[in-house]
Amino acid sequence: MPRPARVHSVAGMTWQELHERMDFMAEMIDRANENPESAIDFSGERLKVERLFGSEEGLLLSLQHRWMTALAAKLDQAAEDDIPAEQARAELAARLPGLRTLLDEAARRSVRVRGRQHDERRIVELHGDPLQRQTVA
């Protein structure tokens, strides 16, 4: 009988594992800044990916979470500074080109990441419309 896929729980993670995950993602983002085409190739590190993230999709979703956290902070500040949400998103993408490149490639590989990008567009739309922003807050 085949073993069920390992589910990676962030709650049961040690501080060392958390730091290893963050370091791994930072290295991927740095590689994407230098060479976008090869950045998402982690075939030589499959065991490490499985140990830290549970699966390739777990890694891709962790990268997406990192982006969404940065985007939420950027959009909140943009609302305070009366900067259009699309401009704020574009500024963040320019500041984090490696991460954005990884996520664009990840969306081609993972339906779940692609779905999160739809969520991202909706959040930007909500922050971009002052009338909706008042009703959401």
Protein backbone atom coordinates (compact mmCIF):
# COMPACT_ATOMS: atom_id res chain seq x y z
CA MET A 1 0.00 0.00 0.00
CA PRO A 2 1.51 3.38 -1.00
CA ARG A 3 2.33 5.86 1.72
CA PRO A 4 0.25 9.04 1.76
CA ALA A 5 2.03 12.20 0.68
CA ARG A 6 3.83 13.90 3.54
CA VAL A 7 2.07 17.01 4.73
CA HIS A 8 4.49 19.62 6.01
CA SER A 9 3.25 21.40 9.10
CA VAL A 10 4.70 24.80 9.84
CA ALA A 11 3.36 24.57 13.39
CA GLY A 12 5.61 21.60 14.21
CA MET A 13 8.71 23.25 12.76
CA THR A 14 11.82 24.03 14.79
CA TRP A 15 13.49 27.44 14.65
CA GLN A 16 16.38 25.82 12.78
CA GLU A 17 14.00 24.41 10.15
CA LEU A 18 12.33 27.81 9.81
CA HIS A 19 15.70 29.46 9.24
CA GLU A 20 16.68 26.75 6.75
CA ARG A 21 13.43 27.34 4.84
CA MET A 22 13.98 31.10 4.79
CA ASP A 23 17.60 30.67 3.68
CA PHE A 24 16.60 28.22 0.94
CA MET A 25 13.98 30.64 -0.42
CA ALA A 26 16.44 33.56 -0.23
CA GLU A 27 18.99 31.55 -2.23
CA MET A 28 16.36 30.74 -4.86
CA ILE A 29 15.38 34.40 -5.12
CA ASP A 30 19.05 35.41 -5.47
CA ARG A 31 19.49 32.82 -8.25
CA ALA A 32 16.39 34.17 -9.98
CA ASN A 33 17.86 37.68 -9.86
CA GLU A 34 20.99 36.39 -11.60
CA ASN A 35 19.52 33.78 -13.96
CA PRO A 36 15.73 33.64 -14.14
CA GLU A 37 15.59 30.65 -16.50
CA SER A 38 17.38 28.25 -14.17
CA ALA A 39 16.18 29.61 -10.84
CA ILE A 40 13.24 27.28 -10.40
CA ASP A 41 15.26 24.18 -11.24
CA PHE A 42 15.90 22.56 -7.89
CA SER A 43 16.02 18.97 -9.13
CA GLY A 44 19.42 18.50 -7.49
CA GLU A 45 17.92 19.58 -4.18
CA ARG A 46 14.73 17.52 -4.26
CA LEU A 47 15.44 15.80 -0.92
CA LYS A 48 16.06 19.13 0.78
CA VAL A 49 12.88 20.59 -0.74
CA GLU A 50 10.88 17.62 0.52
CA ARG A 51 12.44 17.84 3.98
CA LEU A 52 11.87 21.57 4.35
CA PHE A 53 8.63 22.11 2.40
CA GLY A 54 7.06 18.67 2.03
CA SER A 55 6.98 18.93 -1.77
CA GLU A 56 7.80 21.18 -4.70
CA GLU A 57 4.32 22.67 -4.46
CA GLY A 58 4.89 23.38 -0.75
CA LEU A 59 7.96 25.39 -1.72
CA LEU A 60 6.09 27.26 -4.45
CA LEU A 61 3.25 28.07 -2.06
CA SER A 62 5.75 29.28 0.54
CA LEU A 63 7.23 31.64 -2.04
CA GLN A 64 3.71 32.84 -2.87
CA HIS A 65 3.03 33.44 0.83
CA ARG A 66 6.23 35.47 1.10
CA TRP A 67 5.09 37.63 -1.83
CA MET A 68 1.57 38.10 -0.44
CA THR A 69 2.94 39.20 2.93
CA ALA A 70 5.17 41.80 1.25
CA LEU A 71 2.32 42.89 -1.04
CA ALA A 72 -0.14 43.34 1.84
CA ALA A 73 2.34 45.57 3.68
CA LYS A 74 3.08 47.56 0.50
CA LEU A 75 -0.62 48.05 -0.26
CA ASP A 76 -1.39 49.15 3.29
CA GLN A 77 1.37 51.76 3.08
CA ALA A 78 0.20 52.81 -0.39
CA ALA A 79 -3.30 53.41 0.96
CA GLU A 80 -1.85 55.61 3.71
CA ASP A 81 0.27 57.53 1.17
CA ASP A 82 -2.57 57.74 -1.39
CA ILE A 83 -0.53 55.83 -3.99
CA PRO A 84 -2.49 53.76 -6.54
CA ALA A 85 -2.48 50.05 -5.72
CA GLU A 86 -1.25 49.02 -9.19
CA GLN A 87 1.69 51.40 -8.83
CA ALA A 88 2.51 49.96 -5.42
CA ARG A 89 2.37 46.41 -6.81
CA ALA A 90 4.62 47.39 -9.73
CA GLU A 91 7.10 49.01 -7.33
CA LEU A 92 7.19 45.83 -5.25
CA ALA A 93 7.74 43.69 -8.34
CA ALA A 94 10.62 45.98 -9.34
CA ARG A 95 12.10 45.74 -5.85
CA LEU A 96 11.75 41.93 -5.74
CA PRO A 97 12.28 40.84 -9.36
CA GLY A 98 13.64 37.41 -8.47
CA LEU A 99 10.64 36.53 -6.33
CA ARG A 100 8.23 37.79 -8.98
CA THR A 101 10.02 35.74 -11.66
CA LEU A 102 9.82 32.61 -9.52
CA LEU A 103 6.11 33.12 -8.93
CA ASP A 104 5.36 33.67 -12.59
CA GLU A 105 7.10 30.37 -13.37
CA ALA A 106 5.45 28.68 -10.39
CA ALA A 107 2.02 29.64 -11.75
CA ARG A 108 2.81 27.63 -14.88
CA ARG A 109 3.57 24.57 -12.73
CA SER A 110 0.97 24.74 -9.96
CA VAL A 111 -2.78 25.24 -10.17
CA ARG A 112 -2.79 26.27 -6.51
CA VAL A 113 -0.18 29.01 -7.07
CA ARG A 114 -2.09 30.16 -10.14
CA GLY A 115 -5.22 30.39 -7.97
CA ARG A 116 -3.37 32.48 -5.41
CA GLN A 117 -2.39 34.89 -8.18
CA HIS A 118 -6.10 35.44 -8.80
CA ASP A 119 -6.41 36.27 -5.09
CA GLU A 120 -3.51 38.70 -5.50
CA ARG A 121 -5.24 40.54 -8.33
CA ARG A 122 -8.43 40.79 -6.26
CA ILE A 123 -6.54 42.25 -3.29
CA VAL A 124 -4.90 44.83 -5.56
CA GLU A 125 -8.31 45.70 -7.03
CA LEU A 126 -9.81 46.15 -3.56
CA HIS A 127 -6.95 48.41 -2.46
CA GLY A 128 -7.16 50.34 -5.71
CA ASP A 129 -10.81 51.34 -5.35
CA PRO A 130 -11.27 53.87 -2.50
CA LEU A 131 -15.02 53.13 -2.30
CA GLN A 132 -14.41 49.38 -1.86
CA ARG A 133 -11.58 50.12 0.56
CA GLN A 134 -14.03 51.96 2.84
CA THR A 135 -16.55 49.09 2.79
CA VAL A 136 -13.86 46.43 3.43
CA ALA A 137 -12.26 48.25 6.36
